[in-house]
N, C-alpha and C. Protein backbone atom coordinates (compact mmCIF):
# COMPACT_ATOMS: atom_id res chain seq x y z
N UNK A 1 12.94 -1.23 3.48
CA UNK A 1 11.53 -1.53 3.51
C UNK A 1 11.08 -1.94 2.12
N UNK A 2 10.47 -3.10 2.01
CA UNK A 2 9.81 -3.54 0.78
C UNK A 2 8.51 -4.18 1.20
N UNK A 3 7.40 -3.64 0.72
CA UNK A 3 6.08 -4.19 1.03
C UNK A 3 5.45 -4.65 -0.28
N UNK A 4 4.99 -5.89 -0.27
CA UNK A 4 4.36 -6.47 -1.45
C UNK A 4 2.88 -6.68 -1.17
N UNK A 5 2.05 -6.19 -2.10
CA UNK A 5 0.60 -6.24 -1.96
C UNK A 5 0.01 -7.03 -3.12
N UNK A 6 -0.91 -7.93 -2.79
CA UNK A 6 -1.62 -8.68 -3.83
C UNK A 6 -3.11 -8.36 -3.70
N UNK A 7 -3.70 -7.87 -4.79
CA UNK A 7 -5.12 -7.52 -4.86
C UNK A 7 -5.88 -8.64 -5.56
N UNK A 8 -7.06 -8.97 -5.03
CA UNK A 8 -7.94 -9.94 -5.67
C UNK A 8 -9.29 -9.27 -5.92
N UNK A 9 -9.75 -9.36 -7.15
CA UNK A 9 -11.06 -8.80 -7.49
C UNK A 9 -11.62 -9.53 -8.69
N UNK A 10 -12.61 -8.94 -9.28
CA UNK A 10 -13.20 -9.49 -10.50
C UNK A 10 -13.06 -8.43 -11.59
N UNK A 11 -12.97 -8.89 -12.82
CA UNK A 11 -12.83 -7.97 -13.94
C UNK A 11 -13.93 -6.91 -13.92
N UNK A 12 -13.54 -5.66 -14.00
CA UNK A 12 -14.49 -4.56 -14.01
C UNK A 12 -14.72 -3.92 -12.65
N UNK A 13 -14.12 -4.48 -11.58
CA UNK A 13 -14.31 -3.92 -10.25
C UNK A 13 -13.22 -2.92 -9.85
N UNK A 14 -12.18 -2.82 -10.63
CA UNK A 14 -11.17 -1.80 -10.39
C UNK A 14 -9.97 -2.20 -9.55
N UNK A 15 -9.66 -3.49 -9.44
CA UNK A 15 -8.47 -3.89 -8.69
C UNK A 15 -7.20 -3.32 -9.31
N UNK A 16 -7.14 -3.33 -10.63
CA UNK A 16 -5.96 -2.80 -11.33
C UNK A 16 -5.86 -1.29 -11.09
N UNK A 17 -6.97 -0.59 -11.16
CA UNK A 17 -6.97 0.85 -10.90
C UNK A 17 -6.55 1.15 -9.48
N UNK A 18 -7.02 0.36 -8.51
CA UNK A 18 -6.64 0.57 -7.11
C UNK A 18 -5.13 0.40 -6.93
N UNK A 19 -4.56 -0.63 -7.55
CA UNK A 19 -3.12 -0.84 -7.46
C UNK A 19 -2.35 0.33 -8.06
N UNK A 20 -2.84 0.84 -9.19
CA UNK A 20 -2.19 1.99 -9.82
C UNK A 20 -2.28 3.24 -8.94
N UNK A 21 -3.43 3.46 -8.34
CA UNK A 21 -3.60 4.63 -7.46
C UNK A 21 -2.67 4.54 -6.24
N UNK A 22 -2.55 3.34 -5.67
CA UNK A 22 -1.64 3.15 -4.53
C UNK A 22 -0.20 3.44 -4.95
N UNK A 23 0.21 2.96 -6.11
CA UNK A 23 1.57 3.21 -6.59
C UNK A 23 1.81 4.69 -6.81
N UNK A 24 0.86 5.38 -7.42
CA UNK A 24 1.00 6.82 -7.65
C UNK A 24 1.11 7.59 -6.33
N UNK A 25 0.32 7.18 -5.33
CA UNK A 25 0.39 7.83 -4.02
C UNK A 25 1.77 7.60 -3.38
N UNK A 26 2.29 6.39 -3.48
CA UNK A 26 3.60 6.09 -2.91
C UNK A 26 4.70 6.91 -3.59
N UNK A 27 4.64 7.00 -4.91
CA UNK A 27 5.63 7.79 -5.66
C UNK A 27 5.53 9.26 -5.28
N UNK A 28 4.31 9.76 -5.13
CA UNK A 28 4.10 11.15 -4.70
C UNK A 28 4.78 11.43 -3.37
N UNK A 29 4.84 10.41 -2.51
CA UNK A 29 5.45 10.56 -1.18
C UNK A 29 6.94 10.25 -1.18
N UNK A 30 7.53 10.09 -2.37
CA UNK A 30 8.98 9.89 -2.47
C UNK A 30 9.43 8.45 -2.37
N UNK A 31 8.51 7.50 -2.44
CA UNK A 31 8.86 6.09 -2.40
C UNK A 31 8.98 5.55 -3.82
N UNK A 32 9.50 4.36 -3.93
CA UNK A 32 9.53 3.65 -5.21
C UNK A 32 8.33 2.71 -5.21
N UNK A 33 7.70 2.55 -6.37
CA UNK A 33 6.51 1.71 -6.41
C UNK A 33 6.30 1.10 -7.78
N UNK A 34 5.67 -0.07 -7.77
CA UNK A 34 5.24 -0.75 -8.98
C UNK A 34 3.78 -1.10 -8.83
N UNK A 35 3.06 -1.13 -9.93
CA UNK A 35 1.70 -1.65 -10.00
C UNK A 35 1.63 -2.52 -11.24
N UNK A 36 1.21 -3.77 -11.05
CA UNK A 36 1.17 -4.70 -12.18
C UNK A 36 -0.14 -5.46 -12.18
N UNK A 37 -0.82 -5.52 -13.30
CA UNK A 37 -2.02 -6.36 -13.40
C UNK A 37 -1.62 -7.79 -13.74
N UNK A 38 -2.51 -8.72 -13.45
CA UNK A 38 -2.29 -10.10 -13.85
C UNK A 38 -3.61 -10.67 -14.34
N UNK A 39 -3.76 -10.68 -15.64
CA UNK A 39 -4.96 -11.27 -16.22
C UNK A 39 -4.66 -11.66 -17.65
N UNK A 40 -5.44 -12.59 -18.14
CA UNK A 40 -5.26 -13.04 -19.53
C UNK A 40 -6.48 -12.64 -20.33
N UNK A 41 -7.17 -13.64 -20.80
CA UNK A 41 -8.34 -13.39 -21.64
C UNK A 41 -9.63 -13.32 -20.80
N UNK A 42 -9.48 -12.95 -19.53
CA UNK A 42 -10.65 -12.88 -18.66
C UNK A 42 -11.66 -11.88 -19.17
N UNK A 43 -12.88 -12.14 -18.84
CA UNK A 43 -13.95 -11.22 -19.18
C UNK A 43 -14.43 -10.54 -17.92
N UNK A 44 -15.29 -9.56 -18.09
CA UNK A 44 -15.86 -8.86 -16.94
C UNK A 44 -16.46 -9.90 -15.98
N UNK A 45 -16.10 -9.78 -14.71
CA UNK A 45 -16.62 -10.70 -13.70
C UNK A 45 -15.71 -11.87 -13.38
N UNK A 46 -14.72 -12.13 -14.21
CA UNK A 46 -13.79 -13.23 -13.93
C UNK A 46 -12.76 -12.78 -12.89
N UNK A 47 -12.27 -13.70 -12.05
CA UNK A 47 -11.26 -13.32 -11.05
C UNK A 47 -10.01 -12.73 -11.70
N UNK A 48 -9.50 -11.65 -11.12
CA UNK A 48 -8.26 -11.03 -11.57
C UNK A 48 -7.40 -10.71 -10.36
N UNK A 49 -6.13 -10.51 -10.60
CA UNK A 49 -5.20 -10.09 -9.56
C UNK A 49 -4.43 -8.87 -10.05
N UNK A 50 -3.99 -8.08 -9.10
CA UNK A 50 -3.08 -6.97 -9.37
C UNK A 50 -2.07 -6.97 -8.23
N UNK A 51 -0.93 -6.36 -8.47
CA UNK A 51 0.16 -6.40 -7.50
C UNK A 51 0.79 -5.03 -7.32
N UNK A 52 1.28 -4.79 -6.11
CA UNK A 52 2.09 -3.60 -5.82
C UNK A 52 3.36 -4.02 -5.11
N UNK A 53 4.41 -3.32 -5.40
CA UNK A 53 5.62 -3.35 -4.58
C UNK A 53 5.91 -1.90 -4.23
N UNK A 54 6.16 -1.66 -2.96
CA UNK A 54 6.46 -0.31 -2.48
C UNK A 54 7.70 -0.40 -1.61
N UNK A 55 8.66 0.49 -1.88
CA UNK A 55 9.93 0.42 -1.17
C UNK A 55 10.54 1.81 -1.03
N UNK A 56 11.47 1.90 -0.10
CA UNK A 56 12.23 3.14 0.04
C UNK A 56 13.51 3.09 -0.80
N UNK A 57 13.72 1.98 -1.50
CA UNK A 57 14.87 1.81 -2.39
C UNK A 57 14.36 1.37 -3.78
N UNK A 58 15.16 1.58 -4.82
CA UNK A 58 14.72 1.12 -6.15
C UNK A 58 14.35 -0.36 -6.13
N UNK A 59 13.34 -0.70 -6.90
CA UNK A 59 12.82 -2.07 -6.94
C UNK A 59 13.30 -2.73 -8.22
N UNK A 60 14.02 -3.81 -8.07
CA UNK A 60 14.57 -4.52 -9.23
C UNK A 60 13.72 -5.75 -9.59
N UNK A 61 12.97 -6.26 -8.64
CA UNK A 61 12.16 -7.46 -8.84
C UNK A 61 10.95 -7.14 -9.70
N UNK A 62 10.61 -8.05 -10.59
CA UNK A 62 9.42 -7.91 -11.43
C UNK A 62 8.59 -9.18 -11.28
N UNK A 63 7.38 -9.16 -11.75
CA UNK A 63 6.56 -10.36 -11.76
C UNK A 63 5.56 -10.42 -10.63
N UNK A 64 4.83 -11.53 -10.60
CA UNK A 64 3.77 -11.69 -9.62
C UNK A 64 4.35 -11.88 -8.21
N UNK A 65 3.48 -11.76 -7.24
CA UNK A 65 3.87 -11.84 -5.84
C UNK A 65 3.29 -13.12 -5.25
N UNK A 66 4.14 -14.00 -4.79
CA UNK A 66 3.71 -15.29 -4.24
C UNK A 66 3.56 -15.27 -2.72
N UNK A 67 4.34 -14.43 -2.03
CA UNK A 67 4.29 -14.34 -0.56
C UNK A 67 4.08 -12.89 -0.15
N UNK A 68 2.84 -12.41 -0.29
CA UNK A 68 2.56 -11.00 -0.02
C UNK A 68 2.60 -10.64 1.46
N UNK A 69 2.92 -9.38 1.70
CA UNK A 69 2.80 -8.81 3.05
C UNK A 69 1.37 -8.40 3.31
N UNK A 70 0.68 -8.00 2.24
CA UNK A 70 -0.70 -7.53 2.34
C UNK A 70 -1.51 -8.18 1.22
N UNK A 71 -2.69 -8.70 1.59
CA UNK A 71 -3.65 -9.20 0.60
C UNK A 71 -4.91 -8.36 0.75
N UNK A 72 -5.41 -7.87 -0.38
CA UNK A 72 -6.65 -7.09 -0.38
C UNK A 72 -7.65 -7.81 -1.29
N UNK A 73 -8.79 -8.19 -0.72
CA UNK A 73 -9.83 -8.88 -1.46
C UNK A 73 -11.00 -7.90 -1.61
N UNK A 74 -11.21 -7.42 -2.83
CA UNK A 74 -12.23 -6.39 -3.02
C UNK A 74 -13.61 -6.96 -3.35
N UNK A 75 -13.70 -8.28 -3.51
CA UNK A 75 -14.98 -8.92 -3.77
C UNK A 75 -15.16 -10.10 -2.83
N UNK A 76 -16.17 -10.02 -1.98
CA UNK A 76 -16.40 -11.04 -0.95
C UNK A 76 -16.59 -12.43 -1.53
N UNK A 77 -17.11 -12.54 -2.74
CA UNK A 77 -17.35 -13.86 -3.32
C UNK A 77 -16.05 -14.62 -3.59
N UNK A 78 -14.93 -13.95 -3.55
CA UNK A 78 -13.64 -14.60 -3.78
C UNK A 78 -13.05 -15.21 -2.51
N UNK A 79 -13.66 -14.93 -1.36
CA UNK A 79 -13.10 -15.41 -0.09
C UNK A 79 -13.06 -16.93 0.02
N UNK A 80 -13.85 -17.62 -0.76
CA UNK A 80 -13.83 -19.08 -0.75
C UNK A 80 -12.73 -19.69 -1.59
N UNK A 81 -12.02 -18.88 -2.36
CA UNK A 81 -10.96 -19.40 -3.22
C UNK A 81 -9.65 -19.53 -2.43
N UNK A 82 -9.01 -20.67 -2.58
CA UNK A 82 -7.77 -20.94 -1.85
C UNK A 82 -6.66 -19.94 -2.16
N UNK A 83 -6.61 -19.46 -3.42
CA UNK A 83 -5.51 -18.58 -3.80
C UNK A 83 -5.53 -17.22 -3.09
N UNK A 84 -6.66 -16.81 -2.52
CA UNK A 84 -6.66 -15.50 -1.86
C UNK A 84 -5.86 -15.52 -0.56
N UNK A 85 -5.78 -16.67 0.10
CA UNK A 85 -5.01 -16.75 1.35
C UNK A 85 -3.62 -17.34 1.13
N UNK A 86 -3.39 -17.85 -0.06
CA UNK A 86 -2.14 -18.53 -0.38
C UNK A 86 -0.92 -17.61 -0.22
N UNK A 87 0.04 -18.11 0.56
CA UNK A 87 1.33 -17.43 0.66
C UNK A 87 1.40 -16.22 1.56
N UNK A 88 0.29 -15.77 2.13
CA UNK A 88 0.37 -14.57 2.97
C UNK A 88 1.27 -14.84 4.18
N UNK A 89 2.13 -13.89 4.45
CA UNK A 89 3.08 -14.04 5.55
C UNK A 89 2.35 -13.98 6.90
N UNK A 90 2.81 -14.75 7.88
CA UNK A 90 2.19 -14.69 9.22
C UNK A 90 2.26 -13.29 9.83
N UNK A 91 3.22 -12.51 9.39
CA UNK A 91 3.36 -11.13 9.87
C UNK A 91 2.58 -10.14 9.02
N UNK A 92 1.88 -10.66 8.01
CA UNK A 92 1.16 -9.81 7.07
C UNK A 92 -0.21 -9.39 7.55
N UNK A 93 -0.97 -8.80 6.62
CA UNK A 93 -2.33 -8.38 6.92
C UNK A 93 -3.23 -8.76 5.75
N UNK A 94 -4.40 -9.28 6.09
CA UNK A 94 -5.41 -9.70 5.13
C UNK A 94 -6.58 -8.74 5.26
N UNK A 95 -6.91 -8.02 4.18
CA UNK A 95 -7.95 -7.00 4.20
C UNK A 95 -9.04 -7.41 3.22
N UNK A 96 -10.29 -7.49 3.71
CA UNK A 96 -11.35 -7.98 2.83
C UNK A 96 -12.60 -7.12 2.91
N UNK A 97 -13.28 -7.06 1.79
CA UNK A 97 -14.60 -6.44 1.71
C UNK A 97 -15.61 -7.50 2.11
N UNK A 98 -16.18 -7.35 3.29
CA UNK A 98 -17.16 -8.29 3.81
C UNK A 98 -17.89 -7.66 4.99
N UNK A 99 -19.15 -8.04 5.20
CA UNK A 99 -19.83 -7.56 6.40
C UNK A 99 -19.40 -8.32 7.66
N UNK A 100 -18.61 -9.39 7.51
CA UNK A 100 -18.11 -10.13 8.67
C UNK A 100 -17.15 -9.27 9.48
N UNK A 101 -17.09 -9.49 10.77
CA UNK A 101 -16.11 -8.80 11.61
C UNK A 101 -14.73 -9.40 11.32
N UNK A 102 -13.67 -8.68 11.67
CA UNK A 102 -12.33 -9.25 11.47
C UNK A 102 -12.15 -10.58 12.20
N UNK A 103 -12.67 -10.69 13.40
CA UNK A 103 -12.54 -11.95 14.17
C UNK A 103 -13.28 -13.09 13.49
N UNK A 104 -14.48 -12.81 12.98
CA UNK A 104 -15.25 -13.85 12.28
C UNK A 104 -14.52 -14.32 11.04
N UNK A 105 -13.99 -13.38 10.26
CA UNK A 105 -13.30 -13.76 9.03
C UNK A 105 -12.01 -14.51 9.33
N UNK A 106 -11.28 -14.07 10.34
CA UNK A 106 -10.03 -14.74 10.72
C UNK A 106 -10.30 -16.19 11.09
N UNK A 107 -11.35 -16.43 11.88
CA UNK A 107 -11.70 -17.80 12.26
C UNK A 107 -12.18 -18.60 11.06
N UNK A 108 -13.01 -18.00 10.22
CA UNK A 108 -13.57 -18.69 9.05
C UNK A 108 -12.48 -19.17 8.10
N UNK A 109 -11.45 -18.32 7.88
CA UNK A 109 -10.39 -18.65 6.93
C UNK A 109 -9.18 -19.31 7.59
N UNK A 110 -9.15 -19.35 8.92
CA UNK A 110 -8.03 -19.95 9.64
C UNK A 110 -6.73 -19.18 9.47
N UNK A 111 -6.83 -17.86 9.42
CA UNK A 111 -5.65 -17.02 9.20
C UNK A 111 -4.87 -16.80 10.49
N UNK A 112 -3.56 -16.69 10.37
CA UNK A 112 -2.68 -16.42 11.51
C UNK A 112 -2.21 -14.96 11.54
N UNK A 113 -2.43 -14.24 10.46
CA UNK A 113 -1.97 -12.85 10.34
C UNK A 113 -3.05 -11.90 10.86
N UNK A 114 -2.75 -10.60 10.83
CA UNK A 114 -3.75 -9.57 11.14
C UNK A 114 -4.84 -9.62 10.07
N UNK A 115 -6.06 -9.36 10.49
CA UNK A 115 -7.19 -9.38 9.56
C UNK A 115 -7.99 -8.09 9.74
N UNK A 116 -8.34 -7.48 8.62
CA UNK A 116 -9.15 -6.26 8.64
C UNK A 116 -10.33 -6.45 7.69
N UNK A 117 -11.48 -5.91 8.08
CA UNK A 117 -12.65 -5.99 7.22
C UNK A 117 -13.40 -4.66 7.20
N UNK A 118 -14.10 -4.47 6.10
CA UNK A 118 -15.01 -3.34 5.93
C UNK A 118 -16.06 -3.78 4.93
N UNK A 119 -17.28 -3.36 5.13
CA UNK A 119 -18.35 -3.69 4.18
C UNK A 119 -18.27 -2.68 3.03
N UNK A 120 -17.26 -2.88 2.18
CA UNK A 120 -17.00 -1.95 1.09
C UNK A 120 -18.12 -1.97 0.04
N UNK A 121 -18.79 -3.08 -0.09
CA UNK A 121 -19.91 -3.15 -1.03
C UNK A 121 -21.04 -2.22 -0.58
N UNK A 122 -21.31 -2.22 0.70
CA UNK A 122 -22.33 -1.32 1.26
C UNK A 122 -21.91 0.14 1.06
N UNK A 123 -20.65 0.43 1.35
CA UNK A 123 -20.12 1.78 1.17
C UNK A 123 -20.25 2.21 -0.29
N UNK A 124 -19.84 1.34 -1.20
CA UNK A 124 -19.88 1.66 -2.64
C UNK A 124 -21.31 1.91 -3.10
N UNK A 125 -22.21 1.06 -2.69
CA UNK A 125 -23.61 1.25 -3.12
C UNK A 125 -24.21 2.54 -2.56
N UNK A 126 -23.92 2.82 -1.29
CA UNK A 126 -24.51 4.00 -0.65
C UNK A 126 -23.87 5.31 -1.11
N UNK A 127 -22.58 5.28 -1.36
CA UNK A 127 -21.87 6.51 -1.72
C UNK A 127 -21.76 6.70 -3.23
N UNK A 128 -21.38 5.64 -3.93
CA UNK A 128 -21.14 5.73 -5.37
C UNK A 128 -22.37 5.36 -6.20
N UNK A 129 -23.26 4.58 -5.62
CA UNK A 129 -24.43 4.13 -6.35
C UNK A 129 -24.16 2.96 -7.26
N UNK A 130 -22.97 2.38 -7.18
CA UNK A 130 -22.58 1.21 -7.98
C UNK A 130 -21.79 0.25 -7.09
N UNK A 131 -21.80 -1.05 -7.41
CA UNK A 131 -21.09 -2.03 -6.58
C UNK A 131 -19.61 -2.19 -6.94
N UNK A 132 -18.90 -1.07 -7.03
CA UNK A 132 -17.47 -1.10 -7.36
C UNK A 132 -16.70 -0.68 -6.11
N UNK A 133 -15.95 -1.63 -5.55
CA UNK A 133 -15.38 -1.45 -4.21
C UNK A 133 -13.90 -1.09 -4.18
N UNK A 134 -13.31 -0.77 -5.32
CA UNK A 134 -11.86 -0.52 -5.31
C UNK A 134 -11.44 0.69 -4.48
N UNK A 135 -12.15 1.81 -4.63
CA UNK A 135 -11.71 2.98 -3.85
C UNK A 135 -12.02 2.83 -2.36
N UNK A 136 -13.15 2.25 -1.97
CA UNK A 136 -13.31 2.01 -0.53
C UNK A 136 -12.20 1.11 0.03
N UNK A 137 -11.79 0.11 -0.74
CA UNK A 137 -10.75 -0.78 -0.23
C UNK A 137 -9.39 -0.09 -0.14
N UNK A 138 -9.17 0.95 -0.94
CA UNK A 138 -7.96 1.76 -0.76
C UNK A 138 -7.98 2.43 0.61
N UNK A 139 -9.14 2.91 1.01
CA UNK A 139 -9.27 3.52 2.34
C UNK A 139 -8.95 2.52 3.44
N UNK A 140 -9.44 1.29 3.29
CA UNK A 140 -9.16 0.25 4.28
C UNK A 140 -7.67 -0.06 4.33
N UNK A 141 -7.05 -0.20 3.16
CA UNK A 141 -5.62 -0.51 3.10
C UNK A 141 -4.79 0.58 3.79
N UNK A 142 -5.11 1.83 3.50
CA UNK A 142 -4.35 2.94 4.10
C UNK A 142 -4.49 2.93 5.62
N UNK A 143 -5.71 2.71 6.10
CA UNK A 143 -5.91 2.69 7.55
C UNK A 143 -5.10 1.60 8.23
N UNK A 144 -5.12 0.41 7.66
CA UNK A 144 -4.50 -0.75 8.30
C UNK A 144 -2.99 -0.77 8.15
N UNK A 145 -2.48 -0.34 7.00
CA UNK A 145 -1.04 -0.47 6.74
C UNK A 145 -0.25 0.81 6.99
N UNK A 146 -0.87 1.97 6.78
CA UNK A 146 -0.12 3.22 6.88
C UNK A 146 0.97 3.34 5.84
N UNK A 147 0.88 2.58 4.75
CA UNK A 147 1.90 2.63 3.70
C UNK A 147 2.06 4.03 3.13
N UNK A 148 0.95 4.69 2.94
CA UNK A 148 0.93 6.06 2.44
C UNK A 148 -0.09 6.85 3.27
N UNK A 149 -0.03 8.15 3.13
CA UNK A 149 -0.96 9.00 3.88
C UNK A 149 -2.33 9.02 3.20
N UNK A 150 -3.36 9.09 4.02
CA UNK A 150 -4.72 9.15 3.49
C UNK A 150 -4.88 10.34 2.55
N UNK A 151 -4.36 11.49 2.91
CA UNK A 151 -4.52 12.69 2.07
C UNK A 151 -3.89 12.52 0.69
N UNK A 152 -2.77 11.79 0.63
CA UNK A 152 -2.13 11.55 -0.67
C UNK A 152 -3.02 10.67 -1.55
N UNK A 153 -3.59 9.63 -0.95
CA UNK A 153 -4.50 8.76 -1.70
C UNK A 153 -5.72 9.54 -2.17
N UNK A 154 -6.28 10.35 -1.30
CA UNK A 154 -7.45 11.15 -1.67
C UNK A 154 -7.14 12.07 -2.85
N UNK A 155 -5.97 12.66 -2.83
CA UNK A 155 -5.55 13.53 -3.93
C UNK A 155 -5.46 12.75 -5.24
N UNK A 156 -4.87 11.56 -5.19
CA UNK A 156 -4.72 10.74 -6.40
C UNK A 156 -6.07 10.24 -6.90
N UNK A 157 -6.97 9.91 -5.98
CA UNK A 157 -8.31 9.46 -6.36
C UNK A 157 -9.07 10.59 -7.04
N UNK A 158 -9.00 11.78 -6.46
CA UNK A 158 -9.69 12.92 -7.05
C UNK A 158 -9.12 13.25 -8.43
N UNK A 159 -7.80 13.19 -8.55
CA UNK A 159 -7.14 13.45 -9.82
C UNK A 159 -7.56 12.42 -10.88
N UNK A 160 -7.61 11.14 -10.51
CA UNK A 160 -7.94 10.05 -11.45
C UNK A 160 -9.40 10.10 -11.91
N UNK A 161 -10.32 10.41 -10.99
CA UNK A 161 -11.75 10.34 -11.33
C UNK A 161 -12.36 11.67 -11.74
N UNK A 162 -11.62 12.75 -11.62
CA UNK A 162 -12.07 14.04 -12.13
C UNK A 162 -13.16 14.70 -11.30
N UNK A 163 -13.65 15.83 -11.78
CA UNK A 163 -14.58 16.65 -11.01
C UNK A 163 -15.96 16.02 -10.78
N UNK A 164 -16.37 15.11 -11.66
CA UNK A 164 -17.69 14.51 -11.49
C UNK A 164 -17.67 13.35 -10.50
N UNK A 165 -16.78 12.40 -10.70
CA UNK A 165 -16.74 11.20 -9.85
C UNK A 165 -15.70 11.29 -8.73
N UNK A 166 -14.77 12.21 -8.84
CA UNK A 166 -13.72 12.34 -7.82
C UNK A 166 -14.25 12.56 -6.42
N UNK A 167 -15.13 13.56 -6.21
CA UNK A 167 -15.64 13.80 -4.85
C UNK A 167 -16.37 12.60 -4.25
N UNK A 168 -17.12 11.87 -5.07
CA UNK A 168 -17.83 10.69 -4.56
C UNK A 168 -16.84 9.59 -4.16
N UNK A 169 -15.82 9.38 -4.97
CA UNK A 169 -14.81 8.37 -4.64
C UNK A 169 -14.00 8.77 -3.42
N UNK A 170 -13.71 10.05 -3.28
CA UNK A 170 -13.02 10.53 -2.08
C UNK A 170 -13.86 10.24 -0.85
N UNK A 171 -15.17 10.49 -0.95
CA UNK A 171 -16.07 10.21 0.16
C UNK A 171 -16.09 8.71 0.49
N UNK A 172 -16.07 7.86 -0.54
CA UNK A 172 -16.05 6.41 -0.33
C UNK A 172 -14.76 5.96 0.35
N UNK A 173 -13.63 6.52 -0.06
CA UNK A 173 -12.35 6.19 0.58
C UNK A 173 -12.39 6.57 2.05
N UNK A 174 -12.81 7.79 2.33
CA UNK A 174 -12.87 8.27 3.73
C UNK A 174 -13.79 7.41 4.59
N UNK A 175 -14.97 7.11 4.06
CA UNK A 175 -15.92 6.34 4.85
C UNK A 175 -15.39 4.94 5.15
N UNK A 176 -14.82 4.27 4.16
CA UNK A 176 -14.26 2.94 4.40
C UNK A 176 -13.09 3.01 5.37
N UNK A 177 -12.28 4.04 5.27
CA UNK A 177 -11.18 4.26 6.20
C UNK A 177 -11.72 4.29 7.63
N UNK A 178 -12.77 5.03 7.82
CA UNK A 178 -13.36 5.17 9.16
C UNK A 178 -14.01 3.88 9.65
N UNK A 179 -14.60 3.11 8.75
CA UNK A 179 -15.38 1.92 9.14
C UNK A 179 -14.58 0.63 9.19
N UNK A 180 -13.33 0.66 8.79
CA UNK A 180 -12.51 -0.57 8.78
C UNK A 180 -12.16 -0.98 10.20
N UNK A 181 -12.38 -2.28 10.47
CA UNK A 181 -12.00 -2.86 11.75
C UNK A 181 -10.85 -3.82 11.54
N UNK A 182 -10.05 -4.03 12.58
CA UNK A 182 -8.88 -4.89 12.47
C UNK A 182 -8.69 -5.70 13.76
N UNK A 183 -8.18 -6.92 13.60
CA UNK A 183 -7.84 -7.78 14.73
C UNK A 183 -6.47 -8.41 14.47
N UNK A 184 -5.66 -8.47 15.53
CA UNK A 184 -4.32 -9.08 15.40
C UNK A 184 -4.40 -10.59 15.47
């Protein structure tokens, strides 16, 4: 098993942190994992990517992911960019933060793979009080892929954000997990 994940977000939204949290959760569960950011001189708000590889065997491959099994778009404004759908495998899953239903988004983007959506921006604003959607999108990813257990992710989120912000982020992950819809 080797699953490759490509995250799309904007600088300051936490795509890199989400990839790191997913990798830590996978390692906690006895898997091998990588988390890699991909950005240059971008500033806050500029498009960024992050990547994960998760496997039950040691991972020798390094570098960016061109044909992901999973694409996670944590900022809806990026859905118009060609690179967010580029290379996704027909057997893969496309997960996006948007108020659109999975069927609406699948038709809009012309995707052939599974599509999942959650209004992570709404969740983030209501639960966290800020428009940062990385932890809600972790909840969506866990629900749709089952790569790692929800409880493991919650533990890593709480550990990363500490006693003040940890409980709020845990609540955001859980809520997005519950609200994520998917269509084949």
